[in-house]
Amino acid sequence: MKTPEQIIVAPIITEKSMRGVAEKKYTFKVAKNANKIEIAKAVEEKFEGNKVVKVNIVNVRGVARRRNYRTPIGHTSAWKKAVVTLTQDSKGIEFFESMQ
């Protein structure tokens, strides 16, 4: 069984993801092989006192990059993003709350 630290890789801090904090929606970079049930359990274990209502997952494709005009095109690595919605009576995640 995977630990919550193996499933939740990093929080995503962007303008768009920070707009969802008011609605108790938090965005994380997660392991590529994690599913919605594992992500929900990991968030509930790692951030105690929170109950997950819904998890949305997006597979983010790698972006084509090239160094100069001679080199062939390469790609950045693909990754998975999860948007976790908490219940309204949950206390929230302090890391995201301190960013606002």
PDB file of N, CA and C in Angstrom:
ATOM      1  N   MET A   1       0.839  -1.184   0.000  1.00  0.00           N
ATOM      2  CA  MET A   1       0.000   0.000   0.000  1.00  0.00           C
ATOM      3  C   MET A   1       0.880   1.240   0.000  1.00  0.00           C
ATOM      4  N   LYS A   2       0.468   2.229  -0.753  1.00  0.00           N
ATOM      5  CA  LYS A   2       1.237   3.462  -0.878  1.00  0.00           C
ATOM      6  C   LYS A   2       0.911   4.413   0.270  1.00  0.00           C
ATOM      7  N   THR A   3       1.910   5.159   0.682  1.00  0.00           N
ATOM      8  CA  THR A   3       1.703   6.158   1.720  1.00  0.00           C
ATOM      9  C   THR A   3       1.161   7.436   1.081  1.00  0.00           C
ATOM     10  N   PRO A   4       0.552   8.319   1.880  1.00  0.00           N
ATOM     11  CA  PRO A   4       0.061   9.591   1.318  1.00  0.00           C
ATOM     12  C   PRO A   4       1.165  10.429   0.680  1.00  0.00           C
ATOM     13  N   GLU A   5       2.393  10.329   1.187  1.00  0.00           N
ATOM     14  CA  GLU A   5       3.502  11.086   0.619  1.00  0.00           C
ATOM     15  C   GLU A   5       3.882  10.578  -0.762  1.00  0.00           C
ATOM     16  N   GLN A   6       3.655   9.283  -1.031  1.00  0.00           N
ATOM     17  CA  GLN A   6       3.944   8.731  -2.353  1.00  0.00           C
ATOM     18  C   GLN A   6       2.854   9.102  -3.355  1.00  0.00           C
ATOM     19  N   ILE A   7       1.631   9.301  -2.892  1.00  0.00           N
ATOM     20  CA  ILE A   7       0.518   9.619  -3.787  1.00  0.00           C
ATOM     21  C   ILE A   7       0.472  11.114  -4.089  1.00  0.00           C
ATOM     22  N   ILE A   8       0.537  11.953  -3.060  1.00  0.00           N
ATOM     23  CA  ILE A   8       0.505  13.411  -3.249  1.00  0.00           C
ATOM     24  C   ILE A   8       1.940  13.889  -3.404  1.00  0.00           C
ATOM     25  N   VAL A   9       2.301  14.311  -4.620  1.00  0.00           N
ATOM     26  CA  VAL A   9       3.676  14.701  -4.905  1.00  0.00           C
ATOM     27  C   VAL A   9       3.931  16.135  -4.468  1.00  0.00           C
ATOM     28  N   ALA A  10       3.054  17.078  -4.898  1.00  0.00           N
ATOM     29  CA  ALA A  10       3.279  18.489  -4.584  1.00  0.00           C
ATOM     30  C   ALA A  10       1.983  19.270  -4.754  1.00  0.00           C
ATOM     31  N   PRO A  11       1.834  20.375  -4.015  1.00  0.00           N
ATOM     32  CA  PRO A  11       0.687  21.260  -4.276  1.00  0.00           C
ATOM     33  C   PRO A  11       0.963  22.101  -5.517  1.00  0.00           C
ATOM     34  N   ILE A  12      -0.095  22.496  -6.199  1.00  0.00           N
ATOM     35  CA  ILE A  12       0.043  23.351  -7.377  1.00  0.00           C
ATOM     36  C   ILE A  12      -0.443  24.748  -6.999  1.00  0.00           C
ATOM     37  N   ILE A  13       0.459  25.715  -7.111  1.00  0.00           N
ATOM     38  CA  ILE A  13       0.161  27.095  -6.730  1.00  0.00           C
ATOM     39  C   ILE A  13       0.168  27.942  -7.993  1.00  0.00           C
ATOM     40  N   THR A  14      -1.011  28.192  -8.547  1.00  0.00           N
ATOM     41  CA  THR A  14      -1.163  29.084  -9.687  1.00  0.00           C
ATOM     42  C   THR A  14      -2.338  30.012  -9.392  1.00  0.00           C
ATOM     43  N   GLU A  15      -2.501  31.026 -10.219  1.00  0.00           N
ATOM     44  CA  GLU A  15      -3.626  31.941 -10.007  1.00  0.00           C
ATOM     45  C   GLU A  15      -4.956  31.215 -10.138  1.00  0.00           C
ATOM     46  N   LYS A  16      -5.051  30.335 -11.116  1.00  0.00           N
ATOM     47  CA  LYS A  16      -6.296  29.614 -11.336  1.00  0.00           C
ATOM     48  C   LYS A  16      -6.599  28.644 -10.191  1.00  0.00           C
ATOM     49  N   SER A  17      -5.576  27.953  -9.701  1.00  0.00           N
ATOM     50  CA  SER A  17      -5.824  27.010  -8.612  1.00  0.00           C
ATOM     51  C   SER A  17      -6.135  27.728  -7.298  1.00  0.00           C
ATOM     52  N   MET A  18      -5.600  28.923  -7.112  1.00  0.00           N
ATOM     53  CA  MET A  18      -5.857  29.664  -5.878  1.00  0.00           C
ATOM     54  C   MET A  18      -7.265  30.260  -5.851  1.00  0.00           C
ATOM     55  N   ARG A  19      -7.895  30.428  -7.020  1.00  0.00           N
ATOM     56  CA  ARG A  19      -9.286  30.887  -7.050  1.00  0.00           C
ATOM     57  C   ARG A  19     -10.227  29.854  -6.449  1.00  0.00           C
ATOM     58  N   GLY A  20      -9.869  28.584  -6.539  1.00  0.00           N
ATOM     59  CA  GLY A  20     -10.717  27.527  -6.022  1.00  0.00           C
ATOM     60  C   GLY A  20     -10.637  27.343  -4.523  1.00  0.00           C
ATOM     61  N   VAL A  21      -9.673  27.962  -3.860  1.00  0.00           N
ATOM     62  CA  VAL A  21      -9.507  27.786  -2.415  1.00  0.00           C
ATOM     63  C   VAL A  21     -10.724  28.305  -1.662  1.00  0.00           C
ATOM     64  N   ALA A  22     -11.354  29.359  -2.140  1.00  0.00           N
ATOM     65  CA  ALA A  22     -12.544  29.902  -1.485  1.00  0.00           C
ATOM     66  C   ALA A  22     -13.699  28.909  -1.526  1.00  0.00           C
ATOM     67  N   GLU A  23     -13.720  28.046  -2.542  1.00  0.00           N
ATOM     68  CA  GLU A  23     -14.768  27.032  -2.679  1.00  0.00           C
ATOM     69  C   GLU A  23     -14.324  25.678  -2.126  1.00  0.00           C
ATOM     70  N   LYS A  24     -13.207  25.656  -1.396  1.00  0.00           N
ATOM     71  CA  LYS A  24     -12.629  24.438  -0.809  1.00  0.00           C
ATOM     72  C   LYS A  24     -12.186  23.449  -1.885  1.00  0.00           C
ATOM     73  N   LYS A  25     -11.613  23.966  -2.988  1.00  0.00           N
ATOM     74  CA  LYS A  25     -11.049  23.131  -4.041  1.00  0.00           C
ATOM     75  C   LYS A  25      -9.544  23.331  -4.040  1.00  0.00           C
ATOM     76  N   TYR A  26      -8.804  22.242  -3.884  1.00  0.00           N
ATOM     77  CA  TYR A  26      -7.356  22.293  -3.787  1.00  0.00           C
ATOM     78  C   TYR A  26      -6.750  21.436  -4.881  1.00  0.00           C
ATOM     79  N   THR A  27      -5.648  21.905  -5.484  1.00  0.00           N
ATOM     80  CA  THR A  27      -5.033  21.250  -6.626  1.00  0.00           C
ATOM     81  C   THR A  27      -3.675  20.678  -6.221  1.00  0.00           C
ATOM     82  N   PHE A  28      -3.441  19.415  -6.611  1.00  0.00           N
ATOM     83  CA  PHE A  28      -2.196  18.723  -6.283  1.00  0.00           C
ATOM     84  C   PHE A  28      -1.634  18.027  -7.506  1.00  0.00           C
ATOM     85  N   LYS A  29      -0.313  17.907  -7.550  1.00  0.00           N
ATOM     86  CA  LYS A  29       0.343  17.015  -8.488  1.00  0.00           C
ATOM     87  C   LYS A  29       0.415  15.666  -7.805  1.00  0.00           C
ATOM     88  N   VAL A  30      -0.065  14.619  -8.467  1.00  0.00           N
ATOM     89  CA  VAL A  30      -0.151  13.298  -7.848  1.00  0.00           C
ATOM     90  C   VAL A  30       0.622  12.279  -8.680  1.00  0.00           C
ATOM     91  N   ALA A  31       0.815  11.094  -8.107  1.00  0.00           N
ATOM     92  CA  ALA A  31       1.508  10.012  -8.800  1.00  0.00           C
ATOM     93  C   ALA A  31       0.716   9.590 -10.029  1.00  0.00           C
ATOM     94  N   LYS A  32       1.428   9.193 -11.086  1.00  0.00           N
ATOM     95  CA  LYS A  32       0.764   8.859 -12.342  1.00  0.00           C
ATOM     96  C   LYS A  32      -0.129   7.630 -12.231  1.00  0.00           C
ATOM     97  N   ASN A  33       0.183   6.719 -11.316  1.00  0.00           N
ATOM     98  CA  ASN A  33      -0.608   5.490 -11.206  1.00  0.00           C
ATOM     99  C   ASN A  33      -1.648   5.551 -10.089  1.00  0.00           C
ATOM    100  N   ALA A  34      -1.890   6.712  -9.518  1.00  0.00           N
ATOM    101  CA  ALA A  34      -2.876   6.858  -8.437  1.00  0.00           C
ATOM    102  C   ALA A  34      -4.272   7.031  -9.030  1.00  0.00           C
ATOM    103  N   ASN A  35      -5.275   6.463  -8.341  1.00  0.00           N
ATOM    104  CA  ASN A  35      -6.657   6.638  -8.787  1.00  0.00           C
ATOM    105  C   ASN A  35      -7.392   7.557  -7.823  1.00  0.00           C
ATOM    106  N   LYS A  36      -8.667   7.835  -8.117  1.00  0.00           N
ATOM    107  CA  LYS A  36      -9.434   8.802  -7.328  1.00  0.00           C
ATOM    108  C   LYS A  36      -9.609   8.361  -5.882  1.00  0.00           C
ATOM    109  N   ILE A  37      -9.838   7.090  -5.654  1.00  0.00           N
ATOM    110  CA  ILE A  37     -10.055   6.588  -4.298  1.00  0.00           C
ATOM    111  C   ILE A  37      -8.782   6.727  -3.469  1.00  0.00           C
ATOM    112  N   GLU A  38      -7.638   6.374  -4.054  1.00  0.00           N
ATOM    113  CA  GLU A  38      -6.368   6.508  -3.342  1.00  0.00           C
ATOM    114  C   GLU A  38      -6.053   7.969  -3.032  1.00  0.00           C
ATOM    115  N   ILE A  39      -6.342   8.855  -3.960  1.00  0.00           N
ATOM    116  CA  ILE A  39      -6.078  10.288  -3.746  1.00  0.00           C
ATOM    117  C   ILE A  39      -6.954  10.823  -2.621  1.00  0.00           C
ATOM    118  N   ALA A  40      -8.229  10.452  -2.610  1.00  0.00           N
ATOM    119  CA  ALA A  40      -9.136  10.921  -1.555  1.00  0.00           C
ATOM    120  C   ALA A  40      -8.684  10.434  -0.187  1.00  0.00           C
ATOM    121  N   LYS A  41      -8.294   9.172  -0.079  1.00  0.00           N
ATOM    122  CA  LYS A  41      -7.823   8.635   1.201  1.00  0.00           C
ATOM    123  C   LYS A  41      -6.526   9.302   1.641  1.00  0.00           C
ATOM    124  N   ALA A  42      -5.631   9.574   0.683  1.00  0.00           N
ATOM    125  CA  ALA A  42      -4.357  10.205   1.023  1.00  0.00           C
ATOM    126  C   ALA A  42      -4.563  11.625   1.545  1.00  0.00           C
ATOM    127  N   VAL A  43      -5.478  12.375   0.950  1.00  0.00           N
ATOM    128  CA  VAL A  43      -5.751  13.746   1.417  1.00  0.00           C
ATOM    129  C   VAL A  43      -6.369  13.708   2.801  1.00  0.00           C
ATOM    130  N   GLU A  44      -7.292  12.788   3.046  1.00  0.00           N
ATOM    131  CA  GLU A  44      -7.921  12.688   4.366  1.00  0.00           C
ATOM    132  C   GLU A  44      -6.923  12.269   5.437  1.00  0.00           C
ATOM    133  N   GLU A  45      -5.946  11.423   5.087  1.00  0.00           N
ATOM    134  CA  GLU A  45      -4.941  11.002   6.060  1.00  0.00           C
ATOM    135  C   GLU A  45      -3.898  12.090   6.305  1.00  0.00           C
ATOM    136  N   LYS A  46      -3.434  12.708   5.239  1.00  0.00           N
ATOM    137  CA  LYS A  46      -2.357  13.695   5.366  1.00  0.00           C
ATOM    138  C   LYS A  46      -2.837  14.984   6.019  1.00  0.00           C
ATOM    139  N   PHE A  47      -4.025  15.445   5.660  1.00  0.00           N
ATOM    140  CA  PHE A  47      -4.583  16.673   6.211  1.00  0.00           C
ATOM    141  C   PHE A  47      -5.779  16.284   7.075  1.00  0.00           C
ATOM    142  N   GLU A  48      -5.529  15.952   8.313  1.00  0.00           N
ATOM    143  CA  GLU A  48      -6.564  15.450   9.214  1.00  0.00           C
ATOM    144  C   GLU A  48      -7.634  16.496   9.473  1.00  0.00           C
ATOM    145  N   GLY A  49      -8.852  16.023   9.679  1.00  0.00           N
ATOM    146  CA  GLY A  49      -9.967  16.916   9.942  1.00  0.00           C
ATOM    147  C   GLY A  49     -10.678  17.372   8.683  1.00  0.00           C
ATOM    148  N   ASN A  50     -10.312  16.798   7.547  1.00  0.00           N
ATOM    149  CA  ASN A  50     -10.935  17.154   6.270  1.00  0.00           C
ATOM    150  C   ASN A  50     -11.612  15.938   5.665  1.00  0.00           C
ATOM    151  N   LYS A  51     -12.771  16.157   5.058  1.00  0.00           N
ATOM    152  CA  LYS A  51     -13.537  15.103   4.398  1.00  0.00           C
ATOM    153  C   LYS A  51     -13.638  15.450   2.918  1.00  0.00           C
ATOM    154  N   VAL A  52     -13.237  14.519   2.054  1.00  0.00           N
ATOM    155  CA  VAL A  52     -13.239  14.746   0.613  1.00  0.00           C
ATOM    156  C   VAL A  52     -14.608  14.393   0.045  1.00  0.00           C
ATOM    157  N   VAL A  53     -15.159  15.305  -0.765  1.00  0.00           N
ATOM    158  CA  VAL A  53     -16.438  15.076  -1.428  1.00  0.00           C
ATOM    159  C   VAL A  53     -16.213  14.535  -2.830  1.00  0.00           C
ATOM    160  N   LYS A  54     -15.277  15.166  -3.565  1.00  0.00           N
ATOM    161  CA  LYS A  54     -15.098  14.827  -4.970  1.00  0.00           C
ATOM    162  C   LYS A  54     -13.638  14.996  -5.361  1.00  0.00           C
ATOM    163  N   VAL A  55     -13.190  14.148  -6.298  1.00  0.00           N
ATOM    164  CA  VAL A  55     -11.839  14.243  -6.844  1.00  0.00           C
ATOM    165  C   VAL A  55     -11.941  14.241  -8.365  1.00  0.00           C
ATOM    166  N   ASN A  56     -11.377  15.256  -8.997  1.00  0.00           N
ATOM    167  CA  ASN A  56     -11.286  15.313 -10.456  1.00  0.00           C
ATOM    168  C   ASN A  56      -9.828  15.134 -10.849  1.00  0.00           C
ATOM    169  N   ILE A  57      -9.576  14.321 -11.882  1.00  0.00           N
ATOM    170  CA  ILE A  57      -8.216  14.014 -12.313  1.00  0.00           C
ATOM    171  C   ILE A  57      -8.013  14.475 -13.751  1.00  0.00           C
ATOM    172  N   VAL A  58      -6.824  15.045 -14.009  1.00  0.00           N
ATOM    173  CA  VAL A  58      -6.445  15.464 -15.356  1.00  0.00           C
ATOM    174  C   VAL A  58      -5.062  14.895 -15.651  1.00  0.00           C
ATOM    175  N   ASN A  59      -4.937  14.178 -16.767  1.00  0.00           N
ATOM    176  CA  ASN A  59      -3.630  13.734 -17.232  1.00  0.00           C
ATOM    177  C   ASN A  59      -3.052  14.842 -18.096  1.00  0.00           C
ATOM    178  N   VAL A  60      -1.942  15.430 -17.639  1.00  0.00           N
ATOM    179  CA  VAL A  60      -1.319  16.551 -18.334  1.00  0.00           C
ATOM    180  C   VAL A  60      -0.229  15.994 -19.250  1.00  0.00           C
ATOM    181  N   ARG A  61      -0.380  16.245 -20.546  1.00  0.00           N
ATOM    182  CA  ARG A  61       0.595  15.744 -21.504  1.00  0.00           C
ATOM    183  C   ARG A  61       1.866  16.581 -21.470  1.00  0.00           C
ATOM    184  N   GLY A  62       2.974  15.964 -21.875  1.00  0.00           N
ATOM    185  CA  GLY A  62       4.228  16.687 -21.974  1.00  0.00           C
ATOM    186  C   GLY A  62       4.193  17.677 -23.121  1.00  0.00           C
ATOM    187  N   VAL A  63       4.897  18.776 -22.978  1.00  0.00           N
ATOM    188  CA  VAL A  63       4.911  19.841 -23.974  1.00  0.00           C
ATOM    189  C   VAL A  63       6.133  19.656 -24.872  1.00  0.00           C
ATOM    190  N   ALA A  64       5.983  19.858 -26.179  1.00  0.00           N
ATOM    191  CA  ALA A  64       7.095  19.755 -27.114  1.00  0.00           C
ATOM    192  C   ALA A  64       8.065  20.909 -26.888  1.00  0.00           C
ATOM    193  N   ARG A  65       9.331  20.595 -26.803  1.00  0.00           N
ATOM    194  CA  ARG A  65      10.377  21.603 -26.586  1.00  0.00           C
ATOM    195  C   ARG A  65      11.542  21.326 -27.525  1.00  0.00           C
ATOM    196  N   ARG A  66      12.259  22.377 -27.884  1.00  0.00           N
ATOM    197  CA  ARG A  66      13.506  22.184 -28.600  1.00  0.00           C
ATOM    198  C   ARG A  66      14.493  23.234 -28.127  1.00  0.00           C
ATOM    199  N   ARG A  67      15.779  22.869 -28.130  1.00  0.00           N
ATOM    200  CA  ARG A  67      16.801  23.767 -27.607  1.00  0.00           C
ATOM    201  C   ARG A  67      17.194  24.834 -28.618  1.00  0.00           C
ATOM    202  N   ASN A  68      17.438  24.428 -29.846  1.00  0.00           N
ATOM    203  CA  ASN A  68      17.728  25.390 -30.907  1.00  0.00           C
ATOM    204  C   ASN A  68      17.211  24.816 -32.218  1.00  0.00           C
ATOM    205  N   TYR A  69      17.473  25.445 -33.299  1.00  0.00           N
ATOM    206  CA  TYR A  69      16.875  25.020 -34.566  1.00  0.00           C
ATOM    207  C   TYR A  69      17.451  23.716 -35.100  1.00  0.00           C
ATOM    208  N   ARG A  70      18.605  23.268 -34.625  1.00  0.00           N
ATOM    209  CA  ARG A  70      19.230  22.050 -35.136  1.00  0.00           C
ATOM    210  C   ARG A  70      18.783  20.788 -34.398  1.00  0.00           C
ATOM    211  N   THR A  71      18.458  20.931 -33.150  1.00  0.00           N
ATOM    212  CA  THR A  71      18.153  19.741 -32.352  1.00  0.00           C
ATOM    213  C   THR A  71      16.743  19.246 -32.641  1.00  0.00           C
ATOM    214  N   PRO A  72      16.539  17.961 -32.527  1.00  0.00           N
ATOM    215  CA  PRO A  72      15.176  17.440 -32.717  1.00  0.00           C
ATOM    216  C   PRO A  72      14.278  17.851 -31.546  1.00  0.00           C
ATOM    217  N   ILE A  73      13.001  17.751 -31.781  1.00  0.00           N
ATOM    218  CA  ILE A  73      12.031  18.144 -30.767  1.00  0.00           C
ATOM    219  C   ILE A  73      11.970  17.074 -29.691  1.00  0.00           C
ATOM    220  N   GLY A  74      11.992  17.502 -28.430  1.00  0.00           N
ATOM    221  CA  GLY A  74      11.823  16.611 -27.297  1.00  0.00           C
ATOM    222  C   GLY A  74      10.545  16.977 -26.576  1.00  0.00           C
ATOM    223  N   HIS A  75      10.241  16.262 -25.526  1.00  0.00           N
ATOM    224  CA  HIS A  75       9.032  16.530 -24.748  1.00  0.00           C
ATOM    225  C   HIS A  75       9.366  16.574 -23.263  1.00  0.00           C
ATOM    226  N   THR A  76       8.640  17.413 -22.545  1.00  0.00           N
ATOM    227  CA  THR A  76       8.722  17.370 -21.093  1.00  0.00           C
ATOM    228  C   THR A  76       7.920  16.167 -20.627  1.00  0.00           C
ATOM    229  N   SER A  77       8.131  15.741 -19.414  1.00  0.00           N
ATOM    230  CA  SER A  77       7.461  14.536 -18.943  1.00  0.00           C
ATOM    231  C   SER A  77       5.988  14.807 -18.644  1.00  0.00           C
ATOM    232  N   ALA A  78       5.168  13.796 -18.861  1.00  0.00           N
ATOM    233  CA  ALA A  78       3.740  13.892 -18.564  1.00  0.00           C
ATOM    234  C   ALA A  78       3.536  13.689 -17.068  1.00  0.00           C
ATOM    235  N   TRP A  79       2.440  14.250 -16.532  1.00  0.00           N
ATOM    236  CA  TRP A  79       2.142  14.108 -15.114  1.00  0.00           C
ATOM    237  C   TRP A  79       0.642  14.151 -14.903  1.00  0.00           C
ATOM    238  N   LYS A  80       0.222  13.898 -13.671  1.00  0.00           N
ATOM    239  CA  LYS A  80      -1.203  13.843 -13.351  1.00  0.00           C
ATOM    240  C   LYS A  80      -1.538  14.899 -12.317  1.00  0.00           C
ATOM    241  N   LYS A  81      -2.673  15.588 -12.530  1.00  0.00           N
ATOM    242  CA  LYS A  81      -3.134  16.645 -11.637  1.00  0.00           C
ATOM    243  C   LYS A  81      -4.477  16.242 -11.055  1.00  0.00           C
ATOM    244  N   ALA A  82      -4.674  16.516  -9.773  1.00  0.00           N
ATOM    245  CA  ALA A  82      -5.939  16.204  -9.109  1.00  0.00           C
ATOM    246  C   ALA A  82      -6.489  17.451  -8.447  1.00  0.00           C
ATOM    247  N   VAL A  83      -7.792  17.715  -8.667  1.00  0.00           N
ATOM    248  CA  VAL A  83      -8.495  18.804  -7.999  1.00  0.00           C
ATOM    249  C   VAL A  83      -9.411  18.152  -6.971  1.00  0.00           C
ATOM    250  N   VAL A  84      -9.130  18.410  -5.695  1.00  0.00           N
ATOM    251  CA  VAL A  84      -9.838  17.777  -4.589  1.00  0.00           C
ATOM    252  C   VAL A  84     -10.811  18.782  -3.985  1.00  0.00           C
ATOM    253  N   THR A  85     -12.081  18.399  -3.885  1.00  0.00           N
ATOM    254  CA  THR A  85     -13.106  19.249  -3.280  1.00  0.00           C
ATOM    255  C   THR A  85     -13.427  18.712  -1.897  1.00  0.00           C
ATOM    256  N   LEU A  86     -13.372  19.600  -0.890  1.00  0.00           N
ATOM    257  CA  LEU A  86     -13.667  19.219   0.488  1.00  0.00           C
ATOM    258  C   LEU A  86     -15.085  19.644   0.845  1.00  0.00           C
ATOM    259  N   THR A  87     -15.615  19.076   1.939  1.00  0.00           N
ATOM    260  CA  THR A  87     -16.931  19.470   2.417  1.00  0.00           C
ATOM    261  C   THR A  87     -16.862  20.894   2.965  1.00  0.00           C
ATOM    262  N   GLN A  88     -18.016  21.561   3.049  1.00  0.00           N
ATOM    263  CA  GLN A  88     -18.055  22.945   3.516  1.00  0.00           C
ATOM    264  C   GLN A  88     -17.697  23.069   4.991  1.00  0.00           C
ATOM    265  N   ASP A  89     -17.939  22.013   5.779  1.00  0.00           N
ATOM    266  CA  ASP A  89     -17.606  22.088   7.200  1.00  0.00           C
ATOM    267  C   ASP A  89     -16.185  21.630   7.501  1.00  0.00           C
ATOM    268  N   SER A  90     -15.388  21.295   6.485  1.00  0.00           N
ATOM    269  CA  SER A  90     -13.985  20.950   6.693  1.00  0.00           C
ATOM    270  C   SER A  90     -13.206  22.209   7.053  1.00  0.00           C
ATOM    271  N   LYS A  91     -12.113  22.025   7.776  1.00  0.00           N
ATOM    272  CA  LYS A  91     -11.357  23.192   8.237  1.00  0.00           C
ATOM    273  C   LYS A  91     -10.443  23.781   7.167  1.00  0.00           C
ATOM    274  N   GLY A  92     -10.179  23.073   6.087  1.00  0.00           N
ATOM    275  CA  GLY A  92      -9.329  23.595   5.020  1.00  0.00           C
ATOM    276  C   GLY A  92      -7.880  23.179   5.214  1.00  0.00           C
ATOM    277  N   ILE A  93      -7.083  23.405   4.200  1.00  0.00           N
ATOM    278  CA  ILE A  93      -5.666  23.047   4.232  1.00  0.00           C
ATOM    279  C   ILE A  93      -4.873  24.320   4.491  1.00  0.00           C
ATOM    280  N   GLU A  94      -4.109  24.326   5.577  1.00  0.00           N
ATOM    281  CA  GLU A  94      -3.430  25.532   6.041  1.00  0.00           C
ATOM    282  C   GLU A  94      -2.419  26.072   5.041  1.00  0.00           C
ATOM    283  N   PHE A  95      -1.750  25.181   4.321  1.00  0.00           N
ATOM    284  CA  PHE A  95      -0.735  25.626   3.361  1.00  0.00           C
ATOM    285  C   PHE A  95      -1.350  26.529   2.297  1.00  0.00           C
ATOM    286  N   PHE A  96      -2.484  26.155   1.755  1.00  0.00           N
ATOM    287  CA  PHE A  96      -3.150  26.963   0.739  1.00  0.00           C
ATOM    288  C   PHE A  96      -3.760  28.222   1.347  1.00  0.00           C
ATOM    289  N   GLU A  97      -4.296  28.117   2.570  1.00  0.00           N
ATOM    290  CA  GLU A  97      -4.923  29.273   3.216  1.00  0.00           C
ATOM    291  C   GLU A  97      -3.891  30.366   3.482  1.00  0.00           C
ATOM    292  N   SER A  98      -2.633  29.995   3.787  1.00  0.00           N
ATOM    293  CA  SER A  98      -1.615  30.993   4.086  1.00  0.00           C
ATOM    294  C   SER A  98      -1.112  31.702   2.830  1.00  0.00           C
ATOM    295  N   MET A  99      -1.387  31.151   1.651  1.00  0.00           N
ATOM    296  CA  MET A  99      -0.943  31.763   0.393  1.00  0.00           C
ATOM    297  C   MET A  99      -1.828  32.923  -0.036  1.00  0.00           C
ATOM    298  N   GLN A 100      -3.044  32.985   0.444  1.00  0.00           N
ATOM    299  CA  GLN A 100      -3.949  34.046   0.014  1.00  0.00           C
ATOM    300  C   GLN A 100      -3.662  35.350   0.692  1.00  0.00           C
TER     301      GLN A 100
END
